[in-house]
């Protein structure tokens, strides 16, 4: 399932703009099986920006897990299974989805899922990921439609053909989400701990009820 989504991402991410890369071009490394296939004889793989671990797989090379996490020495980052000198950290996993306002937002990576942001303990917003289902009678699969807030997009062969949000090319790019002018995204650098990375992520937000996002002014009106 994710392999087809990943193929779309790879096809779209043919260039890196000004040294920036959308995090969705890195997600193959977040999958243990894909990561461990390139781990080499020692089986070392990056588990995060500054942690390295070792791959344990079945004899057929599947069902891999990365264990024995160890931090890289100070002044080094993990890259392709090695701790190398560097300060620009590239996340191995997508950042946690952040709720800026209550509502429903598409998963930036998977058209067949969305996030529901609602208050937890009365004040703090919590993100809950929800996967779209399928028509049990026909087997038809659907993708999430941000314009209608329901899973109403009929999928070709049950798979995504486009990304829910355009690929980020530069910081502070903004736009409307999925044809719903109440929702918008802003491309920002991902931070790991206190360190800003060169990887971009489309953080989403919603205008107040009755307002619409204006791309030209970058405000809700």
Protein backbone atom coordinates (compact mmCIF):
# COMPACT_ATOMS: atom_id res chain seq x y z
CA UNK A 1 0.00 0.00 0.00
CA UNK A 2 2.62 2.53 1.03
CA UNK A 3 4.92 1.49 -1.81
CA UNK A 4 2.51 2.94 -4.36
CA UNK A 5 2.17 6.15 -2.36
CA UNK A 6 5.91 6.34 -2.09
CA UNK A 7 6.29 5.96 -5.84
CA UNK A 8 4.11 9.04 -6.30
CA UNK A 9 6.24 10.98 -3.85
CA UNK A 10 9.50 9.97 -5.52
CA UNK A 11 8.14 10.95 -8.91
CA UNK A 12 7.17 14.39 -7.62
CA UNK A 13 10.37 15.06 -5.70
CA UNK A 14 12.79 15.18 -8.60
CA UNK A 15 14.62 18.29 -7.40
CA UNK A 16 15.65 19.91 -4.15
CA UNK A 17 14.95 23.63 -4.08
CA UNK A 18 17.68 25.77 -2.49
CA UNK A 19 18.84 22.83 -0.38
CA UNK A 20 15.38 22.19 1.08
CA UNK A 21 13.52 18.90 0.81
CA UNK A 22 9.94 18.05 1.66
CA UNK A 23 9.82 15.44 4.44
CA UNK A 24 7.61 13.23 2.29
CA UNK A 25 10.66 12.50 0.16
CA UNK A 26 12.32 10.88 3.17
CA UNK A 27 9.60 8.57 4.37
CA UNK A 28 11.04 5.43 2.77
CA UNK A 29 13.75 5.53 5.42
CA UNK A 30 11.12 5.57 8.15
CA UNK A 31 10.06 2.08 7.09
CA UNK A 32 12.31 -0.46 8.80
CA UNK A 33 12.22 -2.96 5.93
CA UNK A 34 13.29 -0.38 3.36
CA UNK A 35 15.88 1.08 5.71
CA UNK A 36 17.44 -2.25 6.56
CA UNK A 37 17.75 -3.34 2.94
CA UNK A 38 20.47 -0.70 2.57
CA UNK A 39 22.04 -1.25 5.97
CA UNK A 40 25.15 -3.07 4.70
CA UNK A 41 26.99 -6.01 6.25
CA UNK A 42 26.97 -4.58 9.77
CA UNK A 43 23.24 -3.92 9.62
CA UNK A 44 23.54 -0.38 10.96
CA UNK A 45 20.72 2.07 10.26
CA UNK A 46 19.60 5.50 11.42
CA UNK A 47 16.62 5.42 13.77
CA UNK A 48 16.45 9.21 14.03
CA UNK A 49 18.50 12.30 13.19
CA UNK A 50 21.05 11.59 15.89
CA UNK A 51 20.52 7.94 16.82
CA UNK A 52 21.91 4.81 15.21
CA UNK A 53 20.70 1.25 15.66
CA UNK A 54 21.09 -2.24 14.26
CA UNK A 55 18.70 -4.08 11.95
CA UNK A 56 17.25 -7.44 12.91
CA UNK A 57 15.38 -9.18 10.09
CA UNK A 58 13.97 -12.57 9.23
CA UNK A 59 16.03 -14.82 6.96
CA UNK A 60 14.09 -13.51 3.96
CA UNK A 61 14.98 -9.92 4.83
CA UNK A 62 11.47 -8.99 5.92
CA UNK A 63 9.80 -8.04 9.20
CA UNK A 64 12.80 -5.93 10.17
CA UNK A 65 13.16 -4.00 13.38
CA UNK A 66 15.83 -1.51 14.41
CA UNK A 67 17.10 -2.10 17.94
CA UNK A 68 19.91 -1.04 20.25
CA UNK A 69 19.55 2.69 19.70
CA UNK A 70 22.67 4.66 20.54
CA UNK A 71 23.16 8.44 20.26
CA UNK A 72 25.78 9.74 17.86
CA UNK A 73 28.71 11.60 19.47
CA UNK A 74 28.45 15.35 19.92
CA UNK A 75 28.83 17.27 16.67
CA UNK A 76 27.71 14.33 14.56
CA UNK A 77 24.44 13.31 12.93
CA UNK A 78 23.22 9.98 11.61
CA UNK A 79 23.21 9.62 7.84
CA UNK A 80 22.83 6.39 5.86
CA UNK A 81 23.70 4.21 8.82
CA UNK A 82 26.75 6.19 9.94
CA UNK A 83 27.45 8.92 12.47
CA UNK A 84 29.08 11.64 10.40
CA UNK A 85 30.31 15.14 11.16
CA UNK A 86 27.53 17.62 10.55
CA UNK A 87 24.98 19.96 12.06
CA UNK A 88 22.10 19.85 9.54
CA UNK A 89 19.89 17.05 10.71
CA UNK A 90 17.52 15.29 8.32
CA UNK A 91 14.64 13.57 10.15
CA UNK A 92 14.26 9.84 9.56
CA UNK A 93 10.61 9.93 10.63
CA UNK A 94 7.81 12.38 9.85
CA UNK A 95 7.17 14.99 12.54
CA UNK A 96 4.24 14.56 14.87
CA UNK A 97 1.04 16.09 13.54
CA UNK A 98 0.39 19.33 15.40
CA UNK A 99 -3.13 20.63 15.98
CA UNK A 100 -3.25 24.42 15.67
CA UNK A 101 -7.05 24.56 15.82
CA UNK A 102 -9.97 22.14 16.23
CA UNK A 103 -11.20 20.40 13.12
CA UNK A 104 -10.39 17.78 10.51
CA UNK A 105 -7.25 17.90 8.37
CA UNK A 106 -5.90 15.55 5.68
CA UNK A 107 -2.84 13.43 6.35
CA UNK A 108 -0.16 15.21 4.25
CA UNK A 109 1.32 11.85 3.25
CA UNK A 110 -1.65 9.54 2.79
CA UNK A 111 -4.83 10.52 0.92
CA UNK A 112 -6.66 7.67 2.64
CA UNK A 113 -6.40 9.17 6.12
CA UNK A 114 -7.09 12.34 8.05
CA UNK A 115 -6.48 13.85 11.48
CA UNK A 116 -9.24 14.86 13.87
CA UNK A 117 -8.14 17.61 16.26
CA UNK A 118 -10.23 18.01 19.40
CA UNK A 119 -9.68 19.34 22.95
CA UNK A 120 -8.26 16.83 25.40
CA UNK A 121 -8.72 17.52 29.13
CA UNK A 122 -10.70 20.58 28.18
CA UNK A 123 -7.91 22.69 26.71
CA UNK A 124 -5.05 20.87 24.95
CA UNK A 125 -5.76 19.84 21.37
CA UNK A 126 -5.01 16.21 20.55
CA UNK A 127 -4.60 14.74 17.06
CA UNK A 128 -6.26 11.41 16.31
CA UNK A 129 -5.45 9.77 12.97
CA UNK A 130 -8.41 8.16 11.23
CA UNK A 131 -8.16 5.88 8.20
CA UNK A 132 -10.84 5.90 5.51
CA UNK A 133 -12.68 2.65 4.97
CA UNK A 134 -14.13 0.92 1.95
CA UNK A 135 -17.52 -0.07 0.62
CA UNK A 136 -17.91 -3.61 1.93
CA UNK A 137 -20.45 -4.45 -0.76
CA UNK A 138 -18.33 -3.39 -3.74
CA UNK A 139 -14.82 -3.26 -2.27
CA UNK A 140 -14.46 0.33 -3.49
CA UNK A 141 -11.91 2.32 -1.50
CA UNK A 142 -12.20 6.02 -0.79
CA UNK A 143 -9.84 8.86 0.01
CA UNK A 144 -10.41 11.78 2.34
CA UNK A 145 -11.91 14.90 0.75
CA UNK A 146 -10.95 18.08 2.68
CA UNK A 147 -13.67 20.03 0.86
CA UNK A 148 -16.46 17.84 2.22
CA UNK A 149 -14.79 16.61 5.44
CA UNK A 150 -15.65 13.01 4.58
CA UNK A 151 -13.98 10.11 2.78
CA UNK A 152 -15.75 10.65 -0.54
CA UNK A 153 -12.98 10.53 -3.15
CA UNK A 154 -13.29 7.28 -5.11
CA UNK A 155 -9.77 5.90 -5.61
CA UNK A 156 -8.49 4.39 -8.84
CA UNK A 157 -7.48 0.79 -8.12
CA UNK A 158 -7.81 1.65 -4.44
CA UNK A 159 -4.64 3.76 -4.40
CA UNK A 160 -3.72 7.44 -4.14
CA UNK A 161 -2.65 9.18 -7.33
CA UNK A 162 -1.84 12.59 -5.84
CA UNK A 163 -0.62 14.01 -2.55
CA UNK A 164 -3.26 15.72 -0.36
CA UNK A 165 -1.02 18.80 -0.03
CA UNK A 166 1.50 20.02 -2.63
CA UNK A 167 5.18 19.30 -2.03
CA UNK A 168 6.95 22.03 -0.05
CA UNK A 169 9.81 23.64 -1.98
CA UNK A 170 10.70 26.63 0.23
CA UNK A 171 9.98 27.84 3.78
CA UNK A 172 6.83 29.90 4.31
CA UNK A 173 5.07 28.67 1.20
CA UNK A 174 1.33 28.84 1.90
CA UNK A 175 -1.79 27.62 0.21
CA UNK A 176 -5.35 26.37 0.51
CA UNK A 177 -5.81 22.73 1.51
CA UNK A 178 -7.68 20.51 -0.93
CA UNK A 179 -9.97 23.18 -2.37
CA UNK A 180 -11.32 24.07 1.08
CA UNK A 181 -10.60 27.77 1.56
CA UNK A 182 -11.25 27.46 5.28
CA UNK A 183 -8.11 25.32 5.61
CA UNK A 184 -4.56 26.37 4.79
CA UNK A 185 -1.00 25.16 5.19
CA UNK A 186 2.38 26.77 5.80
CA UNK A 187 5.65 25.07 4.87
CA UNK A 188 8.11 25.35 7.76
CA UNK A 189 11.43 23.78 8.71
CA UNK A 190 11.15 20.71 10.91
CA UNK A 191 12.88 21.03 14.27
CA UNK A 192 14.46 18.13 16.14
CA UNK A 193 14.93 19.05 19.77
CA UNK A 194 16.29 22.58 19.61
CA UNK A 195 17.81 22.08 16.17
CA UNK A 196 16.25 23.38 12.96
CA UNK A 197 16.60 21.05 9.98
CA UNK A 198 16.59 21.64 6.23
CA UNK A 199 13.51 19.45 5.88
CA UNK A 200 10.15 21.09 5.26
CA UNK A 201 6.72 20.05 6.52
CA UNK A 202 3.28 21.50 5.62
CA UNK A 203 1.76 22.53 8.95
CA UNK A 204 -2.01 23.01 8.71
CA UNK A 205 -4.44 25.40 10.34
CA UNK A 206 -8.04 26.56 9.93
CA UNK A 207 -9.61 29.98 9.67
CA UNK A 208 -12.28 30.99 12.16
CA UNK A 209 -15.83 29.96 11.29
CA UNK A 210 -17.13 32.00 8.38
CA UNK A 211 -13.70 33.22 7.27
CA UNK A 212 -11.74 32.13 4.20
CA UNK A 213 -8.01 32.00 3.59
CA UNK A 214 -6.65 34.56 1.13
CA UNK A 215 -3.52 33.26 -0.61
CA UNK A 216 -2.53 36.74 -1.83
CA UNK A 217 -2.49 38.29 1.65
CA UNK A 218 -1.75 35.15 3.66
CA UNK A 219 -4.60 35.94 6.04
CA UNK A 220 -8.12 34.79 6.85
CA UNK A 221 -10.85 37.24 5.90
